[in-house]
């Protein structure tokens, strides 16, 4: 039905405050739902589970980042449901060759222990 991939690393040091420039942070790489199952709340459930898992990692992370196409409204809504907020919108024609050709960087600030409470609605099989 869907998949989420994520990691801990140093992918976004330029968005970190100077005191945390070299600190590890979370990165959501992908949240994908099969087209037959979209609109059932699976994406927010997957993203919420990834955020919860990242907040439990034994490192001093304070941030989780993700990127999305500026034109992707369902992705925007999913990330906002899970508490992510936009940090920057930037031209990104190499990765986004269509539409606005812009990427939005989103961030979730960790307040340990974090819990994303039911970001999606329960989904039902069709």
Protein backbone atom coordinates (compact mmCIF):
# COMPACT_ATOMS: atom_id res chain seq x y z
CA UNK A 1 0.00 0.00 0.00
CA UNK A 2 2.76 2.46 0.87
CA UNK A 3 6.30 2.99 2.02
CA UNK A 4 8.33 5.60 3.89
CA UNK A 5 12.12 5.86 3.91
CA UNK A 6 14.13 7.97 6.33
CA UNK A 7 17.54 8.30 7.93
CA UNK A 8 19.64 10.15 10.46
CA UNK A 9 22.45 12.22 8.98
CA UNK A 10 23.86 15.62 8.09
CA UNK A 11 21.91 16.37 4.92
CA UNK A 12 20.72 19.89 5.87
CA UNK A 13 23.46 21.59 7.91
CA UNK A 14 22.71 24.99 6.31
CA UNK A 15 19.25 25.01 7.95
CA UNK A 16 20.64 24.24 11.40
CA UNK A 17 21.33 27.06 13.88
CA UNK A 18 25.07 27.86 14.16
CA UNK A 19 25.34 26.02 17.47
CA UNK A 20 23.95 22.85 15.85
CA UNK A 21 25.54 23.14 12.39
CA UNK A 22 27.36 19.82 12.75
CA UNK A 23 24.56 18.03 14.62
CA UNK A 24 22.71 15.03 13.24
CA UNK A 25 19.12 15.45 12.17
CA UNK A 26 16.41 13.33 10.63
CA UNK A 27 15.61 13.24 6.94
CA UNK A 28 12.43 11.88 5.37
CA UNK A 29 13.46 10.69 1.92
CA UNK A 30 10.17 9.33 0.54
CA UNK A 31 6.56 8.80 1.51
CA UNK A 32 4.78 6.95 -1.28
CA UNK A 33 1.30 5.46 -1.41
CA UNK A 34 0.09 3.19 -4.21
CA UNK A 35 -2.38 5.03 -6.43
CA UNK A 36 -5.14 2.52 -5.59
CA UNK A 37 -4.88 3.47 -1.91
CA UNK A 38 -4.43 7.24 -1.96
CA UNK A 39 -6.79 9.49 -0.05
CA UNK A 40 -7.26 7.02 2.82
CA UNK A 41 -4.83 8.58 5.28
CA UNK A 42 -2.03 6.06 4.73
CA UNK A 43 0.59 8.70 3.86
CA UNK A 44 0.14 10.68 7.09
CA UNK A 45 0.19 7.45 9.10
CA UNK A 46 3.49 6.41 7.48
CA UNK A 47 5.04 9.85 7.89
CA UNK A 48 3.84 10.08 11.49
CA UNK A 49 5.35 6.67 12.28
CA UNK A 50 8.69 7.74 10.76
CA UNK A 51 8.71 10.97 12.78
CA UNK A 52 7.93 9.04 15.97
CA UNK A 53 10.72 6.56 15.26
CA UNK A 54 13.23 9.32 14.53
CA UNK A 55 12.38 11.07 17.81
CA UNK A 56 13.33 7.89 19.67
CA UNK A 57 16.82 7.60 18.15
CA UNK A 58 19.61 7.83 20.76
CA UNK A 59 21.11 11.00 19.31
CA UNK A 60 20.55 14.63 20.22
CA UNK A 61 18.44 15.43 17.16
CA UNK A 62 16.19 18.43 17.33
CA UNK A 63 15.04 18.60 13.70
CA UNK A 64 13.61 16.37 10.97
CA UNK A 65 13.63 17.62 7.36
CA UNK A 66 11.87 16.66 4.14
CA UNK A 67 11.66 18.11 0.64
CA UNK A 68 8.59 18.29 -1.58
CA UNK A 69 7.65 19.71 -4.96
CA UNK A 70 6.11 23.15 -4.38
CA UNK A 71 3.15 22.17 -6.57
CA UNK A 72 2.37 18.93 -4.70
CA UNK A 73 -0.59 20.01 -2.54
CA UNK A 74 -1.37 16.50 -1.16
CA UNK A 75 2.25 16.21 0.02
CA UNK A 76 2.04 19.67 1.60
CA UNK A 77 -1.16 18.72 3.44
CA UNK A 78 0.30 15.39 4.61
CA UNK A 79 3.42 17.04 5.99
CA UNK A 80 1.46 19.81 7.70
CA UNK A 81 -0.87 17.22 9.32
CA UNK A 82 2.24 15.72 10.87
CA UNK A 83 3.49 19.04 12.24
CA UNK A 84 6.03 19.93 9.56
CA UNK A 85 6.38 23.58 8.55
CA UNK A 86 8.03 25.17 5.50
CA UNK A 87 11.56 26.46 5.96
CA UNK A 88 12.41 27.58 2.43
CA UNK A 89 11.07 27.49 -1.12
CA UNK A 90 13.81 27.45 -3.71
CA UNK A 91 14.25 27.09 -7.48
CA UNK A 92 15.20 23.48 -8.19
CA UNK A 93 14.87 22.87 -11.95
CA UNK A 94 17.24 19.88 -12.00
CA UNK A 95 15.11 17.88 -9.56
CA UNK A 96 11.75 19.52 -10.44
CA UNK A 97 11.69 19.85 -14.25
CA UNK A 98 7.92 20.49 -14.41
CA UNK A 99 5.41 22.96 -13.01
CA UNK A 100 6.88 25.70 -10.84
CA UNK A 101 10.25 23.89 -10.81
CA UNK A 102 10.54 24.72 -7.10
CA UNK A 103 11.24 22.64 -4.01
CA UNK A 104 9.96 23.37 -0.52
CA UNK A 105 12.08 22.28 2.44
CA UNK A 106 9.90 21.27 5.40
CA UNK A 107 10.97 20.85 9.04
CA UNK A 108 9.62 19.16 12.14
CA UNK A 109 11.08 20.43 15.44
CA UNK A 110 11.52 17.64 17.96
CA UNK A 111 10.34 18.19 21.49
CA UNK A 112 11.42 14.86 23.01
CA UNK A 113 9.61 12.67 23.51
CA UNK A 114 7.52 13.54 20.48
CA UNK A 115 4.36 11.75 19.50
CA UNK A 116 2.41 12.46 16.36
CA UNK A 117 -1.14 11.71 17.39
CA UNK A 118 -3.17 10.05 14.65
CA UNK A 119 -2.24 12.42 11.80
CA UNK A 120 -4.39 10.52 9.30
CA UNK A 121 -7.85 9.14 9.46
CA UNK A 122 -8.37 5.42 9.62
CA UNK A 123 -8.30 3.91 6.17
CA UNK A 124 -10.68 1.34 4.81
CA UNK A 125 -10.16 -1.24 2.12
CA UNK A 126 -12.07 -0.69 -1.08
